[in-house]
PDB file of N, CA and C in Angstrom:
ATOM      1  N   MET A   1      18.596  28.612 -56.889  1.00  0.00           N
ATOM      2  CA  MET A   1      17.546  29.239 -56.165  1.00  0.00           C
ATOM      3  C   MET A   1      16.504  28.213 -55.707  1.00  0.00           C
ATOM      4  N   ALA A   2      16.223  27.243 -56.550  1.00  0.00           N
ATOM      5  CA  ALA A   2      15.252  26.211 -56.218  1.00  0.00           C
ATOM      6  C   ALA A   2      15.743  25.398 -55.040  1.00  0.00           C
ATOM      7  N   TRP A   3      17.046  25.149 -55.029  1.00  0.00           N
ATOM      8  CA  TRP A   3      17.610  24.390 -53.899  1.00  0.00           C
ATOM      9  C   TRP A   3      17.481  25.189 -52.607  1.00  0.00           C
ATOM     10  N   GLY A   4      17.718  26.412 -52.678  1.00  0.00           N
ATOM     11  CA  GLY A   4      17.622  27.292 -51.500  1.00  0.00           C
ATOM     12  C   GLY A   4      16.190  27.377 -50.990  1.00  0.00           C
ATOM     13  N   GLY A   5      15.230  27.492 -51.915  1.00  0.00           N
ATOM     14  CA  GLY A   5      13.813  27.551 -51.534  1.00  0.00           C
ATOM     15  C   GLY A   5      13.363  26.233 -50.936  1.00  0.00           C
ATOM     16  N   SER A   6      13.791  25.118 -51.536  1.00  0.00           N
ATOM     17  CA  SER A   6      13.435  23.798 -51.024  1.00  0.00           C
ATOM     18  C   SER A   6      14.028  23.591 -49.634  1.00  0.00           C
ATOM     19  N   LEU A   7      15.277  24.035 -49.514  1.00  0.00           N
ATOM     20  CA  LEU A   7      15.938  23.901 -48.213  1.00  0.00           C
ATOM     21  C   LEU A   7      15.233  24.746 -47.155  1.00  0.00           C
ATOM     22  N   ALA A   8      14.773  25.924 -47.508  1.00  0.00           N
ATOM     23  CA  ALA A   8      14.064  26.793 -46.572  1.00  0.00           C
ATOM     24  C   ALA A   8      12.727  26.175 -46.177  1.00  0.00           C
ATOM     25  N   VAL A   9      12.011  25.622 -47.170  1.00  0.00           N
ATOM     26  CA  VAL A   9      10.723  24.978 -46.884  1.00  0.00           C
ATOM     27  C   VAL A   9      10.943  23.757 -46.000  1.00  0.00           C
ATOM     28  N   LEU A  10      11.953  22.948 -46.323  1.00  0.00           N
ATOM     29  CA  LEU A  10      12.257  21.767 -45.510  1.00  0.00           C
ATOM     30  C   LEU A  10      12.668  22.171 -44.096  1.00  0.00           C
ATOM     31  N   SER A  11      13.381  23.244 -43.957  1.00  0.00           N
ATOM     32  CA  SER A  11      13.799  23.729 -42.633  1.00  0.00           C
ATOM     33  C   SER A  11      12.587  24.157 -41.824  1.00  0.00           C
ATOM     34  N   VAL A  12      11.668  24.873 -42.475  1.00  0.00           N
ATOM     35  CA  VAL A  12      10.455  25.311 -41.780  1.00  0.00           C
ATOM     36  C   VAL A  12       9.629  24.101 -41.377  1.00  0.00           C
ATOM     37  N   ILE A  13       9.476  23.127 -42.275  1.00  0.00           N
ATOM     38  CA  ILE A  13       8.710  21.914 -41.965  1.00  0.00           C
ATOM     39  C   ILE A  13       9.381  21.151 -40.826  1.00  0.00           C
ATOM     40  N   ALA A  14      10.714  21.004 -40.891  1.00  0.00           N
ATOM     41  CA  ALA A  14      11.447  20.309 -39.836  1.00  0.00           C
ATOM     42  C   ALA A  14      11.265  21.029 -38.500  1.00  0.00           C
ATOM     43  N   PHE A  15      11.334  22.368 -38.530  1.00  0.00           N
ATOM     44  CA  PHE A  15      11.135  23.137 -37.304  1.00  0.00           C
ATOM     45  C   PHE A  15       9.734  22.932 -36.746  1.00  0.00           C
ATOM     46  N   LEU A  16       8.719  22.942 -37.596  1.00  0.00           N
ATOM     47  CA  LEU A  16       7.341  22.754 -37.153  1.00  0.00           C
ATOM     48  C   LEU A  16       7.131  21.344 -36.594  1.00  0.00           C
ATOM     49  N   VAL A  17       7.717  20.337 -37.272  1.00  0.00           N
ATOM     50  CA  VAL A  17       7.612  18.953 -36.787  1.00  0.00           C
ATOM     51  C   VAL A  17       8.292  18.843 -35.422  1.00  0.00           C
ATOM     52  N   TYR A  18       9.480  19.424 -35.302  1.00  0.00           N
ATOM     53  CA  TYR A  18      10.231  19.394 -34.044  1.00  0.00           C
ATOM     54  C   TYR A  18       9.428  20.064 -32.923  1.00  0.00           C
ATOM     55  N   ARG A  19       8.849  21.225 -33.213  1.00  0.00           N
ATOM     56  CA  ARG A  19       8.046  21.948 -32.224  1.00  0.00           C
ATOM     57  C   ARG A  19       6.810  21.153 -31.836  1.00  0.00           C
ATOM     58  N   ASN A  20       6.183  20.480 -32.794  1.00  0.00           N
ATOM     59  CA  ASN A  20       5.006  19.659 -32.532  1.00  0.00           C
ATOM     60  C   ASN A  20       5.373  18.474 -31.630  1.00  0.00           C
ATOM     61  N   ILE A  21       6.516  17.846 -31.925  1.00  0.00           N
ATOM     62  CA  ILE A  21       6.970  16.722 -31.108  1.00  0.00           C
ATOM     63  C   ILE A  21       7.240  17.179 -29.678  1.00  0.00           C
ATOM     64  N   LYS A  22       7.905  18.298 -29.513  1.00  0.00           N
ATOM     65  CA  LYS A  22       8.197  18.831 -28.186  1.00  0.00           C
ATOM     66  C   LYS A  22       6.907  19.175 -27.442  1.00  0.00           C
ATOM     67  N   ARG A  23       5.942  19.750 -28.159  1.00  0.00           N
ATOM     68  CA  ARG A  23       4.659  20.095 -27.539  1.00  0.00           C
ATOM     69  C   ARG A  23       3.944  18.830 -27.066  1.00  0.00           C
ATOM     70  N   LYS A  24       3.971  17.772 -27.895  1.00  0.00           N
ATOM     71  CA  LYS A  24       3.343  16.509 -27.501  1.00  0.00           C
ATOM     72  C   LYS A  24       4.062  15.893 -26.301  1.00  0.00           C
ATOM     73  N   GLN A  25       5.404  15.978 -26.293  1.00  0.00           N
ATOM     74  CA  GLN A  25       6.156  15.456 -25.149  1.00  0.00           C
ATOM     75  C   GLN A  25       5.811  16.233 -23.875  1.00  0.00           C
ATOM     76  N   TYR A  26       5.725  17.545 -23.991  1.00  0.00           N
ATOM     77  CA  TYR A  26       5.376  18.374 -22.844  1.00  0.00           C
ATOM     78  C   TYR A  26       3.973  18.032 -22.343  1.00  0.00           C
ATOM     79  N   LYS A  27       3.038  17.875 -23.300  1.00  0.00           N
ATOM     80  CA  LYS A  27       1.665  17.532 -22.934  1.00  0.00           C
ATOM     81  C   LYS A  27       1.606  16.161 -22.257  1.00  0.00           C
ATOM     82  N   ALA A  28       2.344  15.188 -22.783  1.00  0.00           N
ATOM     83  CA  ALA A  28       2.381  13.852 -22.185  1.00  0.00           C
ATOM     84  C   ALA A  28       2.981  13.909 -20.775  1.00  0.00           C
ATOM     85  N   GLU A  29       4.021  14.697 -20.594  1.00  0.00           N
ATOM     86  CA  GLU A  29       4.642  14.843 -19.279  1.00  0.00           C
ATOM     87  C   GLU A  29       3.674  15.508 -18.296  1.00  0.00           C
ATOM     88  N   GLN A  30       2.942  16.494 -18.766  1.00  0.00           N
ATOM     89  CA  GLN A  30       1.946  17.150 -17.918  1.00  0.00           C
ATOM     90  C   GLN A  30       0.860  16.157 -17.501  1.00  0.00           C
ATOM     91  N   GLU A  31       0.408  15.326 -18.446  1.00  0.00           N
ATOM     92  CA  GLU A  31      -0.614  14.326 -18.129  1.00  0.00           C
ATOM     93  C   GLU A  31      -0.088  13.321 -17.103  1.00  0.00           C
ATOM     94  N   ARG A  32       1.171  12.889 -17.268  1.00  0.00           N
ATOM     95  CA  ARG A  32       1.774  11.975 -16.285  1.00  0.00           C
ATOM     96  C   ARG A  32       1.853  12.640 -14.917  1.00  0.00           C
ATOM     97  N   GLN A  33       2.250  13.901 -14.902  1.00  0.00           N
ATOM     98  CA  GLN A  33       2.338  14.615 -13.625  1.00  0.00           C
ATOM     99  C   GLN A  33       0.966  14.793 -13.000  1.00  0.00           C
ATOM    100  N   ASP A  34      -0.053  15.056 -13.825  1.00  0.00           N
ATOM    101  CA  ASP A  34      -1.421  15.175 -13.312  1.00  0.00           C
ATOM    102  C   ASP A  34      -1.890  13.851 -12.717  1.00  0.00           C
ATOM    103  N   GLU A  35      -1.555  12.732 -13.370  1.00  0.00           N
ATOM    104  CA  GLU A  35      -1.916  11.409 -12.845  1.00  0.00           C
ATOM    105  C   GLU A  35      -1.215  11.154 -11.514  1.00  0.00           C
ATOM    106  N   ILE A  36       0.062  11.513 -11.446  1.00  0.00           N
ATOM    107  CA  ILE A  36       0.817  11.330 -10.197  1.00  0.00           C
ATOM    108  C   ILE A  36       0.200  12.177  -9.092  1.00  0.00           C
ATOM    109  N   ASP A  37      -0.133  13.424  -9.416  1.00  0.00           N
ATOM    110  CA  ASP A  37      -0.755  14.309  -8.424  1.00  0.00           C
ATOM    111  C   ASP A  37      -2.095  13.756  -7.954  1.00  0.00           C
ATOM    112  N   ALA A  38      -2.884  13.227  -8.891  1.00  0.00           N
ATOM    113  CA  ALA A  38      -4.188  12.662  -8.533  1.00  0.00           C
ATOM    114  C   ALA A  38      -4.007  11.442  -7.621  1.00  0.00           C
ATOM    115  N   LYS A  39      -3.036  10.590  -7.938  1.00  0.00           N
ATOM    116  CA  LYS A  39      -2.787   9.416  -7.095  1.00  0.00           C
ATOM    117  C   LYS A  39      -2.296   9.830  -5.716  1.00  0.00           C
ATOM    118  N   GLU A  40      -1.437  10.836  -5.650  1.00  0.00           N
ATOM    119  CA  GLU A  40      -0.963  11.321  -4.354  1.00  0.00           C
ATOM    120  C   GLU A  40      -2.110  11.891  -3.535  1.00  0.00           C
ATOM    121  N   LYS A  41      -3.023  12.598  -4.203  1.00  0.00           N
ATOM    122  CA  LYS A  41      -4.178  13.151  -3.492  1.00  0.00           C
ATOM    123  C   LYS A  41      -5.051  12.033  -2.949  1.00  0.00           C
ATOM    124  N   ILE A  42      -5.265  10.996  -3.751  1.00  0.00           N
ATOM    125  CA  ILE A  42      -6.064   9.852  -3.295  1.00  0.00           C
ATOM    126  C   ILE A  42      -5.400   9.197  -2.084  1.00  0.00           C
ATOM    127  N   LEU A  43      -4.083   9.026  -2.143  1.00  0.00           N
ATOM    128  CA  LEU A  43      -3.369   8.414  -1.019  1.00  0.00           C
ATOM    129  C   LEU A  43      -3.450   9.284   0.237  1.00  0.00           C
ATOM    130  N   LYS A  44      -3.325  10.592   0.067  1.00  0.00           N
ATOM    131  CA  LYS A  44      -3.425  11.485   1.219  1.00  0.00           C
ATOM    132  C   LYS A  44      -4.825  11.448   1.815  1.00  0.00           C
ATOM    133  N   ASP A  45      -5.844  11.445   0.946  1.00  0.00           N
ATOM    134  CA  ASP A  45      -7.220  11.369   1.429  1.00  0.00           C
ATOM    135  C   ASP A  45      -7.453  10.056   2.167  1.00  0.00           C
ATOM    136  N   LEU A  46      -6.918   8.970   1.627  1.00  0.00           N
ATOM    137  CA  LEU A  46      -7.057   7.666   2.273  1.00  0.00           C
ATOM    138  C   LEU A  46      -6.353   7.664   3.623  1.00  0.00           C
ATOM    139  N   GLU A  47      -5.165   8.253   3.675  1.00  0.00           N
ATOM    140  CA  GLU A  47      -4.425   8.324   4.932  1.00  0.00           C
ATOM    141  C   GLU A  47      -5.195   9.150   5.961  1.00  0.00           C
ATOM    142  N   LEU A  48      -5.763  10.279   5.518  1.00  0.00           N
ATOM    143  CA  LEU A  48      -6.538  11.116   6.436  1.00  0.00           C
ATOM    144  C   LEU A  48      -7.786  10.399   6.936  1.00  0.00           C
ATOM    145  N   SER A  49      -8.464   9.689   6.042  1.00  0.00           N
ATOM    146  CA  SER A  49      -9.669   8.972   6.481  1.00  0.00           C
ATOM    147  C   SER A  49      -9.299   7.832   7.424  1.00  0.00           C
ATOM    148  N   THR A  50      -8.143   7.201   7.198  1.00  0.00           N
ATOM    149  CA  THR A  50      -7.681   6.144   8.107  1.00  0.00           C
ATOM    150  C   THR A  50      -7.368   6.734   9.479  1.00  0.00           C
ATOM    151  N   ILE A  51      -6.707   7.874   9.494  1.00  0.00           N
ATOM    152  CA  ILE A  51      -6.379   8.536  10.760  1.00  0.00           C
ATOM    153  C   ILE A  51      -7.663   8.960  11.473  1.00  0.00           C
ATOM    154  N   ASP A  52      -8.623   9.505  10.719  1.00  0.00           N
ATOM    155  CA  ASP A  52      -9.897   9.907  11.315  1.00  0.00           C
ATOM    156  C   ASP A  52     -10.611   8.705  11.930  1.00  0.00           C
ATOM    157  N   ALA A  53     -10.608   7.580  11.214  1.00  0.00           N
ATOM    158  CA  ALA A  53     -11.261   6.372  11.728  1.00  0.00           C
ATOM    159  C   ALA A  53     -10.555   5.881  12.996  1.00  0.00           C
ATOM    160  N   MET A  54      -9.234   5.941  12.999  1.00  0.00           N
ATOM    161  CA  MET A  54      -8.476   5.507  14.165  1.00  0.00           C
ATOM    162  C   MET A  54      -8.774   6.407  15.364  1.00  0.00           C
ATOM    163  N   ILE A  55      -8.811   7.715  15.143  1.00  0.00           N
ATOM    164  CA  ILE A  55      -9.105   8.656  16.226  1.00  0.00           C
ATOM    165  C   ILE A  55     -10.525   8.431  16.741  1.00  0.00           C
ATOM    166  N   GLU A  56     -11.453   8.217  15.816  1.00  0.00           N
ATOM    167  CA  GLU A  56     -12.840   7.978  16.221  1.00  0.00           C
ATOM    168  C   GLU A  56     -12.947   6.708  17.058  1.00  0.00           C
ATOM    169  N   GLY A  57     -12.233   5.659  16.654  1.00  0.00           N
ATOM    170  CA  GLY A  57     -12.233   4.412  17.423  1.00  0.00           C
ATOM    171  C   GLY A  57     -11.639   4.603  18.805  1.00  0.00           C
ATOM    172  N   GLN A  58     -10.549   5.361  18.883  1.00  0.00           N
ATOM    173  CA  GLN A  58      -9.935   5.627  20.182  1.00  0.00           C
ATOM    174  C   GLN A  58     -10.876   6.431  21.072  1.00  0.00           C
ATOM    175  N   GLU A  59     -11.562   7.401  20.487  1.00  0.00           N
ATOM    176  CA  GLU A  59     -12.490   8.224  21.267  1.00  0.00           C
ATOM    177  C   GLU A  59     -13.656   7.377  21.789  1.00  0.00           C
ATOM    178  N   LYS A  60     -14.181   6.480  20.951  1.00  0.00           N
ATOM    179  CA  LYS A  60     -15.263   5.594  21.399  1.00  0.00           C
ATOM    180  C   LYS A  60     -14.784   4.693  22.531  1.00  0.00           C
ATOM    181  N   GLU A  61     -13.552   4.193  22.413  1.00  0.00           N
ATOM    182  CA  GLU A  61     -12.998   3.335  23.463  1.00  0.00           C
ATOM    183  C   GLU A  61     -12.826   4.124  24.761  1.00  0.00           C
ATOM    184  N   ARG A  62     -12.362   5.366  24.665  1.00  0.00           N
ATOM    185  CA  ARG A  62     -12.232   6.217  25.862  1.00  0.00           C
ATOM    186  C   ARG A  62     -13.590   6.446  26.518  1.00  0.00           C
ATOM    187  N   GLN A  63     -14.597   6.728  25.688  1.00  0.00           N
ATOM    188  CA  GLN A  63     -15.933   6.963  26.228  1.00  0.00           C
ATOM    189  C   GLN A  63     -16.479   5.700  26.902  1.00  0.00           C
ATOM    190  N   ARG A  64     -16.244   4.549  26.270  1.00  0.00           N
ATOM    191  CA  ARG A  64     -16.709   3.288  26.850  1.00  0.00           C
ATOM    192  C   ARG A  64     -16.010   3.020  28.171  1.00  0.00           C
ATOM    193  N   LEU A  65     -14.698   3.222  28.194  1.00  0.00           N
ATOM    194  CA  LEU A  65     -13.929   2.999  29.411  1.00  0.00           C
ATOM    195  C   LEU A  65     -14.368   3.964  30.516  1.00  0.00           C
ATOM    196  N   ALA A  66     -14.570   5.233  30.157  1.00  0.00           N
ATOM    197  CA  ALA A  66     -15.021   6.211  31.147  1.00  0.00           C
ATOM    198  C   ALA A  66     -16.395   5.832  31.691  1.00  0.00           C
ATOM    199  N   ALA A  67     -17.292   5.400  30.808  1.00  0.00           N
ATOM    200  CA  ALA A  67     -18.627   4.996  31.255  1.00  0.00           C
ATOM    201  C   ALA A  67     -18.537   3.777  32.174  1.00  0.00           C
ATOM    202  N   ASP A  68     -17.693   2.805  31.797  1.00  0.00           N
ATOM    203  CA  ASP A  68     -17.531   1.617  32.640  1.00  0.00           C
ATOM    204  C   ASP A  68     -16.979   1.991  34.010  1.00  0.00           C
ATOM    205  N   LEU A  69     -15.960   2.844  34.023  1.00  0.00           N
ATOM    206  CA  LEU A  69     -15.383   3.255  35.305  1.00  0.00           C
ATOM    207  C   LEU A  69     -16.401   4.025  36.140  1.00  0.00           C
ATOM    208  N   HIS A  70     -17.106   4.932  35.495  1.00  0.00           N
ATOM    209  CA  HIS A  70     -18.092   5.737  36.209  1.00  0.00           C
ATOM    210  C   HIS A  70     -19.193   4.856  36.769  1.00  0.00           C
ATOM    211  N   ASP A  71     -19.739   3.980  35.946  1.00  0.00           N
ATOM    212  CA  ASP A  71     -20.836   3.115  36.388  1.00  0.00           C
ATOM    213  C   ASP A  71     -20.360   2.152  37.465  1.00  0.00           C
ATOM    214  N   SER A  72     -19.168   1.600  37.294  1.00  0.00           N
ATOM    215  CA  SER A  72     -18.645   0.625  38.243  1.00  0.00           C
ATOM    216  C   SER A  72     -18.395   1.274  39.599  1.00  0.00           C
ATOM    217  N   VAL A  73     -17.734   2.420  39.611  1.00  0.00           N
ATOM    218  CA  VAL A  73     -17.441   3.111  40.863  1.00  0.00           C
ATOM    219  C   VAL A  73     -18.730   3.563  41.529  1.00  0.00           C
ATOM    220  N   GLY A  74     -19.633   4.117  40.740  1.00  0.00           N
ATOM    221  CA  GLY A  74     -20.907   4.574  41.297  1.00  0.00           C
ATOM    222  C   GLY A  74     -21.704   3.433  41.903  1.00  0.00           C
ATOM    223  N   ALA A  75     -21.751   2.314  41.222  1.00  0.00           N
ATOM    224  CA  ALA A  75     -22.490   1.156  41.728  1.00  0.00           C
ATOM    225  C   ALA A  75     -21.850   0.609  42.996  1.00  0.00           C
ATOM    226  N   THR A  76     -20.530   0.550  43.020  1.00  0.00           N
ATOM    227  CA  THR A  76     -19.833   0.036  44.194  1.00  0.00           C
ATOM    228  C   THR A  76     -20.065   0.945  45.401  1.00  0.00           C
ATOM    229  N   LEU A  77     -19.967   2.263  45.180  1.00  0.00           N
ATOM    230  CA  LEU A  77     -20.198   3.197  46.280  1.00  0.00           C
ATOM    231  C   LEU A  77     -21.643   3.132  46.776  1.00  0.00           C
ATOM    232  N   ALA A  78     -22.581   3.004  45.867  1.00  0.00           N
ATOM    233  CA  ALA A  78     -23.990   2.913  46.258  1.00  0.00           C
ATOM    234  C   ALA A  78     -24.235   1.652  47.074  1.00  0.00           C
ATOM    235  N   ALA A  79     -23.659   0.534  46.640  1.00  0.00           N
ATOM    236  CA  ALA A  79     -23.826  -0.722  47.372  1.00  0.00           C
ATOM    237  C   ALA A  79     -23.180  -0.624  48.749  1.00  0.00           C
ATOM    238  N   ALA A  80     -21.991  -0.020  48.819  1.00  0.00           N
ATOM    239  CA  ALA A  80     -21.315   0.123  50.108  1.00  0.00           C
ATOM    240  C   ALA A  80     -22.137   1.007  51.049  1.00  0.00           C
ATOM    241  N   LYS A  81     -22.700   2.077  50.516  1.00  0.00           N
ATOM    242  CA  LYS A  81     -23.514   2.966  51.347  1.00  0.00           C
ATOM    243  C   LYS A  81     -24.747   2.239  51.868  1.00  0.00           C
ATOM    244  N   LEU A  82     -25.405   1.485  50.992  1.00  0.00           N
ATOM    245  CA  LEU A  82     -26.585   0.741  51.442  1.00  0.00           C
ATOM    246  C   LEU A  82     -26.224  -0.272  52.522  1.00  0.00           C
ATOM    247  N   GLN A  83     -25.122  -0.970  52.346  1.00  0.00           N
ATOM    248  CA  GLN A  83     -24.703  -1.960  53.342  1.00  0.00           C
ATOM    249  C   GLN A  83     -24.339  -1.279  54.653  1.00  0.00           C
ATOM    250  N   PHE A  84     -23.643  -0.146  54.569  1.00  0.00           N
ATOM    251  CA  PHE A  84     -23.266   0.566  55.775  1.00  0.00           C
ATOM    252  C   PHE A  84     -24.501   1.095  56.505  1.00  0.00           C
ATOM    253  N   ASP A  85     -25.457   1.657  55.728  1.00  0.00           N
ATOM    254  CA  ASP A  85     -26.701   2.144  56.346  1.00  0.00           C
ATOM    255  C   ASP A  85     -27.443   1.008  57.036  1.00  0.00           C
ATOM    256  N   TYR A  86     -27.492  -0.139  56.393  1.00  0.00           N
ATOM    257  CA  TYR A  86     -28.161  -1.305  56.992  1.00  0.00           C
ATOM    258  C   TYR A  86     -27.444  -1.707  58.280  1.00  0.00           C
ATOM    259  N   PHE A  87     -26.124  -1.728  58.219  1.00  0.00           N
ATOM    260  CA  PHE A  87     -25.351  -2.126  59.387  1.00  0.00           C
ATOM    261  C   PHE A  87     -25.568  -1.157  60.548  1.00  0.00           C
ATOM    262  N   VAL A  88     -25.562   0.158  60.245  1.00  0.00           N
ATOM    263  CA  VAL A  88     -25.759   1.151  61.295  1.00  0.00           C
ATOM    264  C   VAL A  88     -27.134   0.984  61.937  1.00  0.00           C
ATOM    265  N   LYS A  89     -28.150   0.736  61.149  1.00  0.00           N
ATOM    266  CA  LYS A  89     -29.511   0.573  61.685  1.00  0.00           C
ATOM    267  C   LYS A  89     -29.644  -0.699  62.521  1.00  0.00           C
ATOM    268  N   HIS A  90     -28.906  -1.745  62.152  1.00  0.00           N
ATOM    269  CA  HIS A  90     -29.061  -3.046  62.808  1.00  0.00           C
ATOM    270  C   HIS A  90     -27.821  -3.457  63.591  1.00  0.00           C
ATOM    271  N   GLN A  91     -27.013  -2.526  64.000  1.00  0.00           N
ATOM    272  CA  GLN A  91     -25.775  -2.921  64.667  1.00  0.00           C
ATOM    273  C   GLN A  91     -26.031  -3.506  66.049  1.00  0.00           C
ATOM    274  N   ASN A  92     -27.137  -3.164  66.673  1.00  0.00           N
ATOM    275  CA  ASN A  92     -27.454  -3.739  67.985  1.00  0.00           C
ATOM    276  C   ASN A  92     -27.845  -5.205  67.867  1.00  0.00           C
ATOM    277  N   ASP A  93     -28.347  -5.624  66.690  1.00  0.00           N
ATOM    278  CA  ASP A  93     -28.785  -7.004  66.495  1.00  0.00           C
ATOM    279  C   ASP A  93     -27.615  -7.922  66.143  1.00  0.00           C
ATOM    280  N   VAL A  94     -26.514  -7.374  65.716  1.00  0.00           N
ATOM    281  CA  VAL A  94     -25.399  -8.187  65.238  1.00  0.00           C
ATOM    282  C   VAL A  94     -24.392  -8.388  66.367  1.00  0.00           C
ATOM    283  N   GLU A  95     -23.920  -9.640  66.518  1.00  0.00           N
ATOM    284  CA  GLU A  95     -22.888  -9.926  67.521  1.00  0.00           C
ATOM    285  C   GLU A  95     -21.574  -9.329  67.043  1.00  0.00           C
ATOM    286  N   ASP A  96     -20.725  -8.967  67.950  1.00  0.00           N
ATOM    287  CA  ASP A  96     -19.429  -8.370  67.648  1.00  0.00           C
ATOM    288  C   ASP A  96     -19.593  -7.108  66.803  1.00  0.00           C
ATOM    289  N   SER A  97     -20.501  -6.240  67.164  1.00  0.00           N
ATOM    290  CA  SER A  97     -20.773  -5.066  66.369  1.00  0.00           C
ATOM    291  C   SER A  97     -19.588  -4.098  66.367  1.00  0.00           C
ATOM    292  N   GLU A  98     -18.803  -4.045  67.451  1.00  0.00           N
ATOM    293  CA  GLU A  98     -17.644  -3.160  67.465  1.00  0.00           C
ATOM    294  C   GLU A  98     -16.632  -3.560  66.419  1.00  0.00           C
ATOM    295  N   GLU A  99     -16.384  -4.853  66.336  1.00  0.00           N
ATOM    296  CA  GLU A  99     -15.406  -5.361  65.342  1.00  0.00           C
ATOM    297  C   GLU A  99     -15.904  -5.100  63.929  1.00  0.00           C
ATOM    298  N   LEU A 100     -17.169  -5.320  63.675  1.00  0.00           N
ATOM    299  CA  LEU A 100     -17.718  -5.068  62.337  1.00  0.00           C
ATOM    300  C   LEU A 100     -17.693  -3.580  62.011  1.00  0.00           C
ATOM    301  N   THR A 101     -17.926  -2.732  63.004  1.00  0.00           N
ATOM    302  CA  THR A 101     -17.895  -1.285  62.778  1.00  0.00           C
ATOM    303  C   THR A 101     -16.497  -0.846  62.375  1.00  0.00           C
ATOM    304  N   LYS A 102     -15.478  -1.390  63.028  1.00  0.00           N
ATOM    305  CA  LYS A 102     -14.110  -1.046  62.688  1.00  0.00           C
ATOM    306  C   LYS A 102     -13.777  -1.480  61.266  1.00  0.00           C
ATOM    307  N   LYS A 103     -14.250  -2.658  60.871  1.00  0.00           N
ATOM    308  CA  LYS A 103     -13.998  -3.151  59.507  1.00  0.00           C
ATOM    309  C   LYS A 103     -14.651  -2.236  58.503  1.00  0.00           C
TER     310      LYS A 103
END
């Protein structure tokens, strides 16, 4: 009977130790998975911020290019208009005014 009781107690202790080990393994695996998830989130956030920065840079470049084109075209047209107005007012004073008018 003593052997049977000892064996039962040892079986219960072995079962509890086994369950404790499995619980610790599960907990360790969960912690590893949480670390992996946290690192993946950091990488995704970094990727998103990189994409946002790239888009912002492209948008600034588009705005700069549009402003340059707008200012350049506007300035050129204004200068051409002023020159044409001057020419029209003074075309009688200029030699070969017909040829210049055609140009």
